[in-house]
Amino acid sequence: MLRALWLALAAWGAVHPMYYFVSYLAANGWDFGAMIDAWYVNDSTRGLTWDLTIAAVTLTLWILAEVAVRRNWVALLAIPATFCIGVSCGLPLYLWFRSRRV
């Protein structure tokens, strides 16, 4: 049951934020540079950006450390999910991979 919850949260964490990213890009000419600039428009967004960046780096180090011990190589897929989609997808995806038998 918990595995299904991790997978559902990973899907939600992929789809929900992506809706906002695609909406922003569609409204602003698909300029990724402008979207990244928007992440630093004020102290509030800058703080959130750094919070998520630090969380992503921490999650990546945790994944690497555990994969080295558990040899659950497929769990490495959570790293590109984290940096290409976000921590909201990468973390529950990693927990889904981690909760299966190795």
PDB file of N, CA and C in Angstrom:
ATOM      1  N   MET A   1       0.816  -1.196   0.000  1.00  0.00           N
ATOM      2  CA  MET A   1       0.000   0.000   0.000  1.00  0.00           C
ATOM      3  C   MET A   1       0.866   1.269   0.000  1.00  0.00           C
ATOM      4  N   LEU A   2       1.910   1.268   0.810  1.00  0.00           N
ATOM      5  CA  LEU A   2       2.776   2.441   0.883  1.00  0.00           C
ATOM      6  C   LEU A   2       3.511   2.658  -0.441  1.00  0.00           C
ATOM      7  N   ARG A   3       3.900   1.556  -1.116  1.00  0.00           N
ATOM      8  CA  ARG A   3       4.564   1.687  -2.424  1.00  0.00           C
ATOM      9  C   ARG A   3       3.672   2.403  -3.419  1.00  0.00           C
ATOM     10  N   ALA A   4       2.379   2.075  -3.394  1.00  0.00           N
ATOM     11  CA  ALA A   4       1.431   2.725  -4.309  1.00  0.00           C
ATOM     12  C   ALA A   4       1.333   4.222  -3.994  1.00  0.00           C
ATOM     13  N   LEU A   5       1.376   4.562  -2.720  1.00  0.00           N
ATOM     14  CA  LEU A   5       1.330   5.969  -2.324  1.00  0.00           C
ATOM     15  C   LEU A   5       2.571   6.706  -2.825  1.00  0.00           C
ATOM     16  N   TRP A   6       3.753   6.092  -2.698  1.00  0.00           N
ATOM     17  CA  TRP A   6       4.991   6.728  -3.197  1.00  0.00           C
ATOM     18  C   TRP A   6       4.888   6.986  -4.697  1.00  0.00           C
ATOM     19  N   LEU A   7       4.385   5.994  -5.434  1.00  0.00           N
ATOM     20  CA  LEU A   7       4.280   6.147  -6.881  1.00  0.00           C
ATOM     21  C   LEU A   7       3.245   7.216  -7.251  1.00  0.00           C
ATOM     22  N   ALA A   8       2.138   7.247  -6.531  1.00  0.00           N
ATOM     23  CA  ALA A   8       1.119   8.278  -6.784  1.00  0.00           C
ATOM     24  C   ALA A   8       1.670   9.676  -6.496  1.00  0.00           C
ATOM     25  N   LEU A   9       2.429   9.815  -5.415  1.00  0.00           N
ATOM     26  CA  LEU A   9       3.030  11.108  -5.091  1.00  0.00           C
ATOM     27  C   LEU A   9       4.076  11.514  -6.128  1.00  0.00           C
ATOM     28  N   ALA A  10       4.827  10.543  -6.649  1.00  0.00           N
ATOM     29  CA  ALA A  10       5.809  10.845  -7.701  1.00  0.00           C
ATOM     30  C   ALA A  10       5.096  11.338  -8.955  1.00  0.00           C
ATOM     31  N   ALA A  11       3.987  10.696  -9.311  1.00  0.00           N
ATOM     32  CA  ALA A  11       3.220  11.130 -10.482  1.00  0.00           C
ATOM     33  C   ALA A  11       2.653  12.533 -10.263  1.00  0.00           C
ATOM     34  N   TRP A  12       2.082  12.763  -9.106  1.00  0.00           N
ATOM     35  CA  TRP A  12       1.550  14.088  -8.783  1.00  0.00           C
ATOM     36  C   TRP A  12       2.671  15.130  -8.813  1.00  0.00           C
ATOM     37  N   GLY A  13       3.821  14.763  -8.227  1.00  0.00           N
ATOM     38  CA  GLY A  13       4.963  15.664  -8.190  1.00  0.00           C
ATOM     39  C   GLY A  13       5.550  15.941  -9.563  1.00  0.00           C
ATOM     40  N   ALA A  14       5.262  15.090 -10.534  1.00  0.00           N
ATOM     41  CA  ALA A  14       5.700  15.336 -11.905  1.00  0.00           C
ATOM     42  C   ALA A  14       4.684  16.182 -12.665  1.00  0.00           C
ATOM     43  N   VAL A  15       3.410  15.857 -12.521  1.00  0.00           N
ATOM     44  CA  VAL A  15       2.368  16.489 -13.329  1.00  0.00           C
ATOM     45  C   VAL A  15       1.998  17.884 -12.822  1.00  0.00           C
ATOM     46  N   HIS A  16       1.776  18.031 -11.541  1.00  0.00           N
ATOM     47  CA  HIS A  16       1.278  19.300 -11.003  1.00  0.00           C
ATOM     48  C   HIS A  16       2.260  20.455 -11.227  1.00  0.00           C
ATOM     49  N   PRO A  17       3.520  20.330 -10.812  1.00  0.00           N
ATOM     50  CA  PRO A  17       4.455  21.440 -11.079  1.00  0.00           C
ATOM     51  C   PRO A  17       4.670  21.675 -12.576  1.00  0.00           C
ATOM     52  N   MET A  18       4.673  20.579 -13.366  1.00  0.00           N
ATOM     53  CA  MET A  18       4.908  20.726 -14.806  1.00  0.00           C
ATOM     54  C   MET A  18       3.799  21.543 -15.465  1.00  0.00           C
ATOM     55  N   TYR A  19       2.586  21.451 -14.942  1.00  0.00           N
ATOM     56  CA  TYR A  19       1.475  22.263 -15.457  1.00  0.00           C
ATOM     57  C   TYR A  19       1.835  23.748 -15.383  1.00  0.00           C
ATOM     58  N   TYR A  20       2.387  24.163 -14.248  1.00  0.00           N
ATOM     59  CA  TYR A  20       2.745  25.568 -14.073  1.00  0.00           C
ATOM     60  C   TYR A  20       3.948  25.961 -14.929  1.00  0.00           C
ATOM     61  N   PHE A  21       4.920  25.060 -15.045  1.00  0.00           N
ATOM     62  CA  PHE A  21       6.072  25.356 -15.893  1.00  0.00           C
ATOM     63  C   PHE A  21       5.647  25.524 -17.345  1.00  0.00           C
ATOM     64  N   VAL A  22       4.833  24.602 -17.839  1.00  0.00           N
ATOM     65  CA  VAL A  22       4.385  24.669 -19.232  1.00  0.00           C
ATOM     66  C   VAL A  22       3.500  25.892 -19.454  1.00  0.00           C
ATOM     67  N   SER A  23       2.633  26.202 -18.493  1.00  0.00           N
ATOM     68  CA  SER A  23       1.783  27.401 -18.617  1.00  0.00           C
ATOM     69  C   SER A  23       2.637  28.658 -18.699  1.00  0.00           C
ATOM     70  N   TYR A  24       3.651  28.743 -17.841  1.00  0.00           N
ATOM     71  CA  TYR A  24       4.531  29.909 -17.864  1.00  0.00           C
ATOM     72  C   TYR A  24       5.265  30.006 -19.200  1.00  0.00           C
ATOM     73  N   LEU A  25       5.835  28.891 -19.643  1.00  0.00           N
ATOM     74  CA  LEU A  25       6.592  28.901 -20.888  1.00  0.00           C
ATOM     75  C   LEU A  25       5.704  29.216 -22.089  1.00  0.00           C
ATOM     76  N   ALA A  26       4.495  28.686 -22.101  1.00  0.00           N
ATOM     77  CA  ALA A  26       3.574  28.969 -23.208  1.00  0.00           C
ATOM     78  C   ALA A  26       3.220  30.453 -23.259  1.00  0.00           C
ATOM     79  N   ALA A  27       3.070  31.059 -22.091  1.00  0.00           N
ATOM     80  CA  ALA A  27       2.711  32.478 -22.037  1.00  0.00           C
ATOM     81  C   ALA A  27       3.896  33.396 -22.324  1.00  0.00           C
ATOM     82  N   ASN A  28       5.115  32.873 -22.166  1.00  0.00           N
ATOM     83  CA  ASN A  28       6.313  33.714 -22.311  1.00  0.00           C
ATOM     84  C   ASN A  28       7.241  33.261 -23.428  1.00  0.00           C
ATOM     85  N   GLY A  29       6.691  32.592 -24.429  1.00  0.00           N
ATOM     86  CA  GLY A  29       7.471  32.267 -25.613  1.00  0.00           C
ATOM     87  C   GLY A  29       8.484  31.159 -25.452  1.00  0.00           C
ATOM     88  N   TRP A  30       8.283  30.239 -24.551  1.00  0.00           N
ATOM     89  CA  TRP A  30       9.166  29.080 -24.375  1.00  0.00           C
ATOM     90  C   TRP A  30      10.610  29.494 -24.148  1.00  0.00           C
ATOM     91  N   ASP A  31      10.792  30.558 -23.414  1.00  0.00           N
ATOM     92  CA  ASP A  31      12.123  31.064 -23.084  1.00  0.00           C
ATOM     93  C   ASP A  31      12.519  30.523 -21.705  1.00  0.00           C
ATOM     94  N   PHE A  32      13.339  29.463 -21.709  1.00  0.00           N
ATOM     95  CA  PHE A  32      13.748  28.852 -20.445  1.00  0.00           C
ATOM     96  C   PHE A  32      14.592  29.811 -19.611  1.00  0.00           C
ATOM     97  N   GLY A  33      15.361  30.647 -20.261  1.00  0.00           N
ATOM     98  CA  GLY A  33      16.159  31.636 -19.541  1.00  0.00           C
ATOM     99  C   GLY A  33      15.296  32.587 -18.740  1.00  0.00           C
ATOM    100  N   ALA A  34      14.181  33.007 -19.316  1.00  0.00           N
ATOM    101  CA  ALA A  34      13.257  33.902 -18.604  1.00  0.00           C
ATOM    102  C   ALA A  34      12.631  33.192 -17.410  1.00  0.00           C
ATOM    103  N   MET A  35      12.343  31.903 -17.570  1.00  0.00           N
ATOM    104  CA  MET A  35      11.770  31.155 -16.450  1.00  0.00           C
ATOM    105  C   MET A  35      12.781  31.051 -15.308  1.00  0.00           C
ATOM    106  N   ILE A  36      14.001  30.775 -15.645  1.00  0.00           N
ATOM    107  CA  ILE A  36      15.037  30.687 -14.610  1.00  0.00           C
ATOM    108  C   ILE A  36      15.256  32.050 -13.959  1.00  0.00           C
ATOM    109  N   ASP A  37      15.235  33.107 -14.738  1.00  0.00           N
ATOM    110  CA  ASP A  37      15.345  34.459 -14.171  1.00  0.00           C
ATOM    111  C   ASP A  37      14.205  34.740 -13.194  1.00  0.00           C
ATOM    112  N   ALA A  38      13.020  34.231 -13.500  1.00  0.00           N
ATOM    113  CA  ALA A  38      11.858  34.448 -12.625  1.00  0.00           C
ATOM    114  C   ALA A  38      12.047  33.785 -11.265  1.00  0.00           C
ATOM    115  N   TRP A  39      12.869  32.744 -11.212  1.00  0.00           N
ATOM    116  CA  TRP A  39      13.123  32.073  -9.933  1.00  0.00           C
ATOM    117  C   TRP A  39      13.905  32.970  -8.977  1.00  0.00           C
ATOM    118  N   TYR A  40      14.515  34.019  -9.501  1.00  0.00           N
ATOM    119  CA  TYR A  40      15.346  34.915  -8.691  1.00  0.00           C
ATOM    120  C   TYR A  40      14.809  36.342  -8.675  1.00  0.00           C
ATOM    121  N   VAL A  41      13.522  36.511  -8.941  1.00  0.00           N
ATOM    122  CA  VAL A  41      12.945  37.840  -9.090  1.00  0.00           C
ATOM    123  C   VAL A  41      12.866  38.608  -7.759  1.00  0.00           C
ATOM    124  N   ASN A  42      12.731  37.904  -6.647  1.00  0.00           N
ATOM    125  CA  ASN A  42      12.711  38.571  -5.341  1.00  0.00           C
ATOM    126  C   ASN A  42      13.256  37.610  -4.285  1.00  0.00           C
ATOM    127  N   ASP A  43      13.377  38.103  -3.068  1.00  0.00           N
ATOM    128  CA  ASP A  43      13.965  37.278  -2.007  1.00  0.00           C
ATOM    129  C   ASP A  43      13.126  36.035  -1.695  1.00  0.00           C
ATOM    130  N   SER A  44      11.813  36.130  -1.848  1.00  0.00           N
ATOM    131  CA  SER A  44      10.943  34.990  -1.583  1.00  0.00           C
ATOM    132  C   SER A  44      11.205  33.851  -2.570  1.00  0.00           C
ATOM    133  N   THR A  45      11.203  34.167  -3.855  1.00  0.00           N
ATOM    134  CA  THR A  45      11.446  33.120  -4.856  1.00  0.00           C
ATOM    135  C   THR A  45      12.898  32.652  -4.821  1.00  0.00           C
ATOM    136  N   ARG A  46      13.804  33.554  -4.529  1.00  0.00           N
ATOM    137  CA  ARG A  46      15.219  33.178  -4.411  1.00  0.00           C
ATOM    138  C   ARG A  46      15.412  32.195  -3.258  1.00  0.00           C
ATOM    139  N   GLY A  47      14.765  32.455  -2.129  1.00  0.00           N
ATOM    140  CA  GLY A  47      14.857  31.547  -0.983  1.00  0.00           C
ATOM    141  C   GLY A  47      14.267  30.186  -1.295  1.00  0.00           C
ATOM    142  N   LEU A  48      13.123  30.164  -1.967  1.00  0.00           N
ATOM    143  CA  LEU A  48      12.500  28.895  -2.341  1.00  0.00           C
ATOM    144  C   LEU A  48      13.371  28.130  -3.330  1.00  0.00           C
ATOM    145  N   THR A  49      13.967  28.846  -4.281  1.00  0.00           N
ATOM    146  CA  THR A  49      14.849  28.206  -5.254  1.00  0.00           C
ATOM    147  C   THR A  49      16.036  27.559  -4.560  1.00  0.00           C
ATOM    148  N   TRP A  50      16.648  28.284  -3.624  1.00  0.00           N
ATOM    149  CA  TRP A  50      17.791  27.716  -2.900  1.00  0.00           C
ATOM    150  C   TRP A  50      17.367  26.569  -1.990  1.00  0.00           C
ATOM    151  N   ASP A  51      16.197  26.680  -1.383  1.00  0.00           N
ATOM    152  CA  ASP A  51      15.683  25.601  -0.543  1.00  0.00           C
ATOM    153  C   ASP A  51      15.548  24.315  -1.356  1.00  0.00           C
ATOM    154  N   LEU A  52      14.952  24.417  -2.521  1.00  0.00           N
ATOM    155  CA  LEU A  52      14.762  23.246  -3.369  1.00  0.00           C
ATOM    156  C   LEU A  52      16.084  22.740  -3.946  1.00  0.00           C
ATOM    157  N   THR A  53      17.002  23.637  -4.244  1.00  0.00           N
ATOM    158  CA  THR A  53      18.312  23.222  -4.753  1.00  0.00           C
ATOM    159  C   THR A  53      19.073  22.430  -3.696  1.00  0.00           C
ATOM    160  N   ILE A  54      19.078  22.927  -2.469  1.00  0.00           N
ATOM    161  CA  ILE A  54      19.761  22.222  -1.385  1.00  0.00           C
ATOM    162  C   ILE A  54      19.099  20.872  -1.121  1.00  0.00           C
ATOM    163  N   ALA A  55      17.768  20.830  -1.157  1.00  0.00           N
ATOM    164  CA  ALA A  55      17.057  19.563  -0.978  1.00  0.00           C
ATOM    165  C   ALA A  55      17.401  18.580  -2.100  1.00  0.00           C
ATOM    166  N   ALA A  56      17.508  19.070  -3.339  1.00  0.00           N
ATOM    167  CA  ALA A  56      17.841  18.203  -4.473  1.00  0.00           C
ATOM    168  C   ALA A  56      19.255  17.641  -4.348  1.00  0.00           C
ATOM    169  N   VAL A  57      20.198  18.473  -3.940  1.00  0.00           N
ATOM    170  CA  VAL A  57      21.576  18.004  -3.757  1.00  0.00           C
ATOM    171  C   VAL A  57      21.640  16.980  -2.624  1.00  0.00           C
ATOM    172  N   THR A  58      20.934  17.254  -1.532  1.00  0.00           N
ATOM    173  CA  THR A  58      20.902  16.325  -0.399  1.00  0.00           C
ATOM    174  C   THR A  58      20.300  14.987  -0.808  1.00  0.00           C
ATOM    175  N   LEU A  59      19.193  15.029  -1.520  1.00  0.00           N
ATOM    176  CA  LEU A  59      18.561  13.802  -1.995  1.00  0.00           C
ATOM    177  C   LEU A  59      19.497  13.028  -2.918  1.00  0.00           C
ATOM    178  N   THR A  60      20.195  13.721  -3.789  1.00  0.00           N
ATOM    179  CA  THR A  60      21.138  13.070  -4.701  1.00  0.00           C
ATOM    180  C   THR A  60      22.242  12.356  -3.935  1.00  0.00           C
ATOM    181  N   LEU A  61      22.793  13.020  -2.930  1.00  0.00           N
ATOM    182  CA  LEU A  61      23.842  12.381  -2.124  1.00  0.00           C
ATOM    183  C   LEU A  61      23.308  11.163  -1.385  1.00  0.00           C
ATOM    184  N   TRP A  62      22.081  11.250  -0.862  1.00  0.00           N
ATOM    185  CA  TRP A  62      21.453  10.121  -0.175  1.00  0.00           C
ATOM    186  C   TRP A  62      21.253   8.952  -1.144  1.00  0.00           C
ATOM    187  N   ILE A  63      20.767   9.253  -2.335  1.00  0.00           N
ATOM    188  CA  ILE A  63      20.557   8.198  -3.333  1.00  0.00           C
ATOM    189  C   ILE A  63      21.880   7.531  -3.672  1.00  0.00           C
ATOM    190  N   LEU A  64      22.901   8.322  -3.941  1.00  0.00           N
ATOM    191  CA  LEU A  64      24.208   7.760  -4.292  1.00  0.00           C
ATOM    192  C   LEU A  64      24.771   6.895  -3.168  1.00  0.00           C
ATOM    193  N   ALA A  65      24.651   7.361  -1.930  1.00  0.00           N
ATOM    194  CA  ALA A  65      25.169   6.600  -0.791  1.00  0.00           C
ATOM    195  C   ALA A  65      24.425   5.274  -0.630  1.00  0.00           C
ATOM    196  N   GLU A  66      23.123   5.299  -0.756  1.00  0.00           N
ATOM    197  CA  GLU A  66      22.347   4.073  -0.575  1.00  0.00           C
ATOM    198  C   GLU A  66      22.497   3.112  -1.750  1.00  0.00           C
ATOM    199  N   VAL A  67      22.590   3.646  -2.960  1.00  0.00           N
ATOM    200  CA  VAL A  67      22.766   2.772  -4.119  1.00  0.00           C
ATOM    201  C   VAL A  67      24.115   2.063  -4.035  1.00  0.00           C
ATOM    202  N   ALA A  68      25.122   2.748  -3.526  1.00  0.00           N
ATOM    203  CA  ALA A  68      26.438   2.129  -3.374  1.00  0.00           C
ATOM    204  C   ALA A  68      26.385   0.937  -2.422  1.00  0.00           C
ATOM    205  N   VAL A  69      25.527   1.003  -1.421  1.00  0.00           N
ATOM    206  CA  VAL A  69      25.412  -0.084  -0.435  1.00  0.00           C
ATOM    207  C   VAL A  69      24.420  -1.156  -0.884  1.00  0.00           C
ATOM    208  N   ARG A  70      23.256  -0.721  -1.336  1.00  0.00           N
ATOM    209  CA  ARG A  70      22.159  -1.651  -1.654  1.00  0.00           C
ATOM    210  C   ARG A  70      22.235  -2.221  -3.057  1.00  0.00           C
ATOM    211  N   ARG A  71      23.009  -1.592  -3.932  1.00  0.00           N
ATOM    212  CA  ARG A  71      23.136  -2.029  -5.325  1.00  0.00           C
ATOM    213  C   ARG A  71      21.801  -2.020  -6.074  1.00  0.00           C
ATOM    214  N   ASN A  72      20.951  -1.080  -5.705  1.00  0.00           N
ATOM    215  CA  ASN A  72      19.652  -0.920  -6.333  1.00  0.00           C
ATOM    216  C   ASN A  72      19.827   0.112  -7.456  1.00  0.00           C
ATOM    217  N   TRP A  73      20.481  -0.299  -8.548  1.00  0.00           N
ATOM    218  CA  TRP A  73      20.924   0.626  -9.588  1.00  0.00           C
ATOM    219  C   TRP A  73      19.786   1.385 -10.248  1.00  0.00           C
ATOM    220  N   VAL A  74      18.641   0.768 -10.370  1.00  0.00           N
ATOM    221  CA  VAL A  74      17.520   1.440 -11.034  1.00  0.00           C
ATOM    222  C   VAL A  74      17.074   2.683 -10.258  1.00  0.00           C
ATOM    223  N   ALA A  75      17.361   2.717  -8.962  1.00  0.00           N
ATOM    224  CA  ALA A  75      16.993   3.873  -8.136  1.00  0.00           C
ATOM    225  C   ALA A  75      17.731   5.137  -8.569  1.00  0.00           C
ATOM    226  N   LEU A  76      18.809   4.983  -9.330  1.00  0.00           N
ATOM    227  CA  LEU A  76      19.524   6.155  -9.840  1.00  0.00           C
ATOM    228  C   LEU A  76      18.648   6.992 -10.772  1.00  0.00           C
ATOM    229  N   LEU A  77      17.583   6.418 -11.304  1.00  0.00           N
ATOM    230  CA  LEU A  77      16.667   7.178 -12.162  1.00  0.00           C
ATOM    231  C   LEU A  77      15.990   8.320 -11.410  1.00  0.00           C
ATOM    232  N   ALA A  78      15.983   8.259 -10.098  1.00  0.00           N
ATOM    233  CA  ALA A  78      15.392   9.339  -9.311  1.00  0.00           C
ATOM    234  C   ALA A  78      16.235  10.611  -9.372  1.00  0.00           C
ATOM    235  N   ILE A  79      17.513  10.490  -9.713  1.00  0.00           N
ATOM    236  CA  ILE A  79      18.373  11.685  -9.794  1.00  0.00           C
ATOM    237  C   ILE A  79      17.983  12.571 -10.981  1.00  0.00           C
ATOM    238  N   PRO A  80      17.901  12.044 -12.208  1.00  0.00           N
ATOM    239  CA  PRO A  80      17.442  12.938 -13.288  1.00  0.00           C
ATOM    240  C   PRO A  80      16.002  13.406 -13.086  1.00  0.00           C
ATOM    241  N   ALA A  81      15.165  12.580 -12.459  1.00  0.00           N
ATOM    242  CA  ALA A  81      13.793  13.027 -12.166  1.00  0.00           C
ATOM    243  C   ALA A  81      13.821  14.229 -11.229  1.00  0.00           C
ATOM    244  N   THR A  82      14.737  14.220 -10.278  1.00  0.00           N
ATOM    245  CA  THR A  82      14.854  15.319  -9.326  1.00  0.00           C
ATOM    246  C   THR A  82      15.284  16.611 -10.013  1.00  0.00           C
ATOM    247  N   PHE A  83      16.284  16.534 -10.885  1.00  0.00           N
ATOM    248  CA  PHE A  83      16.814  17.755 -11.495  1.00  0.00           C
ATOM    249  C   PHE A  83      16.063  18.186 -12.749  1.00  0.00           C
ATOM    250  N   CYS A  84      15.393  17.270 -13.425  1.00  0.00           N
ATOM    251  CA  CYS A  84      14.642  17.635 -14.635  1.00  0.00           C
ATOM    252  C   CYS A  84      13.187  17.980 -14.335  1.00  0.00           C
ATOM    253  N   ILE A  85      12.649  17.402 -13.275  1.00  0.00           N
ATOM    254  CA  ILE A  85      11.253  17.661 -12.906  1.00  0.00           C
ATOM    255  C   ILE A  85      11.188  18.406 -11.592  1.00  0.00           C
ATOM    256  N   GLY A  86      11.755  17.831 -10.542  1.00  0.00           N
ATOM    257  CA  GLY A  86      11.768  18.492  -9.245  1.00  0.00           C
ATOM    258  C   GLY A  86      11.832  17.495  -8.102  1.00  0.00           C
ATOM    259  N   VAL A  87      12.126  18.021  -6.931  1.00  0.00           N
ATOM    260  CA  VAL A  87      12.193  17.202  -5.722  1.00  0.00           C
ATOM    261  C   VAL A  87      10.838  16.555  -5.440  1.00  0.00           C
ATOM    262  N   SER A  88       9.763  17.237  -5.824  1.00  0.00           N
ATOM    263  CA  SER A  88       8.419  16.701  -5.574  1.00  0.00           C
ATOM    264  C   SER A  88       8.169  15.418  -6.348  1.00  0.00           C
ATOM    265  N   CYS A  89       8.928  15.157  -7.389  1.00  0.00           N
ATOM    266  CA  CYS A  89       8.852  13.895  -8.124  1.00  0.00           C
ATOM    267  C   CYS A  89       9.993  12.966  -7.710  1.00  0.00           C
ATOM    268  N   GLY A  90      11.199  13.490  -7.613  1.00  0.00           N
ATOM    269  CA  GLY A  90      12.377  12.668  -7.343  1.00  0.00           C
ATOM    270  C   GLY A  90      12.351  11.967  -6.001  1.00  0.00           C
ATOM    271  N   LEU A  91      11.916  12.658  -4.952  1.00  0.00           N
ATOM    272  CA  LEU A  91      11.906  12.037  -3.618  1.00  0.00           C
ATOM    273  C   LEU A  91      10.914  10.881  -3.526  1.00  0.00           C
ATOM    274  N   PRO A  92       9.638  11.074  -3.880  1.00  0.00           N
ATOM    275  CA  PRO A  92       8.740   9.922  -3.786  1.00  0.00           C
ATOM    276  C   PRO A  92       9.103   8.807  -4.779  1.00  0.00           C
ATOM    277  N   LEU A  93       9.674   9.170  -5.923  1.00  0.00           N
ATOM    278  CA  LEU A  93      10.113   8.143  -6.869  1.00  0.00           C
ATOM    279  C   LEU A  93      11.231   7.314  -6.253  1.00  0.00           C
ATOM    280  N   TYR A  94      12.188   7.982  -5.607  1.00  0.00           N
ATOM    281  CA  TYR A  94      13.258   7.232  -4.940  1.00  0.00           C
ATOM    282  C   TYR A  94      12.704   6.344  -3.831  1.00  0.00           C
ATOM    283  N   LEU A  95      11.759   6.857  -3.047  1.00  0.00           N
ATOM    284  CA  LEU A  95      11.167   6.041  -1.986  1.00  0.00           C
ATOM    285  C   LEU A  95      10.433   4.836  -2.564  1.00  0.00           C
ATOM    286  N   TRP A  96       9.824   5.007  -3.738  1.00  0.00           N
ATOM    287  CA  TRP A  96       9.177   3.887  -4.407  1.00  0.00           C
ATOM    288  C   TRP A  96      10.212   2.833  -4.803  1.00  0.00           C
ATOM    289  N   PHE A  97      11.318   3.281  -5.422  1.00  0.00           N
ATOM    290  CA  PHE A  97      12.383   2.341  -5.780  1.00  0.00           C
ATOM    291  C   PHE A  97      12.968   1.673  -4.539  1.00  0.00           C
ATOM    292  N   ARG A  98      13.149   2.439  -3.492  1.00  0.00           N
ATOM    293  CA  ARG A  98      13.788   1.936  -2.274  1.00  0.00           C
ATOM    294  C   ARG A  98      12.907   0.933  -1.536  1.00  0.00           C
ATOM    295  N   SER A  99      11.603   1.060  -1.683  1.00  0.00           N
ATOM    296  CA  SER A  99      10.712   0.195  -0.925  1.00  0.00           C
ATOM    297  C   SER A  99      10.488  -1.169  -1.578  1.00  0.00           C
ATOM    298  N   ARG A 100      11.048  -1.374  -2.739  1.00  0.00           N
ATOM    299  CA  ARG A 100      10.920  -2.700  -3.363  1.00  0.00           C
ATOM    300  C   ARG A 100      12.023  -3.620  -2.873  1.00  0.00           C
ATOM    301  N   ARG A 101      11.797  -4.908  -3.040  1.00  0.00           N
ATOM    302  CA  ARG A 101      12.833  -5.870  -2.650  1.00  0.00           C
ATOM    303  C   ARG A 101      13.994  -5.783  -3.614  1.00  0.00           C
ATOM    304  N   VAL A 102      15.191  -5.836  -3.080  1.00  0.00           N
ATOM    305  CA  VAL A 102      16.404  -5.751  -3.900  1.00  0.00           C
ATOM    306  C   VAL A 102      16.988  -7.142  -4.076  1.00  0.00           C
TER     307      VAL A 102
END
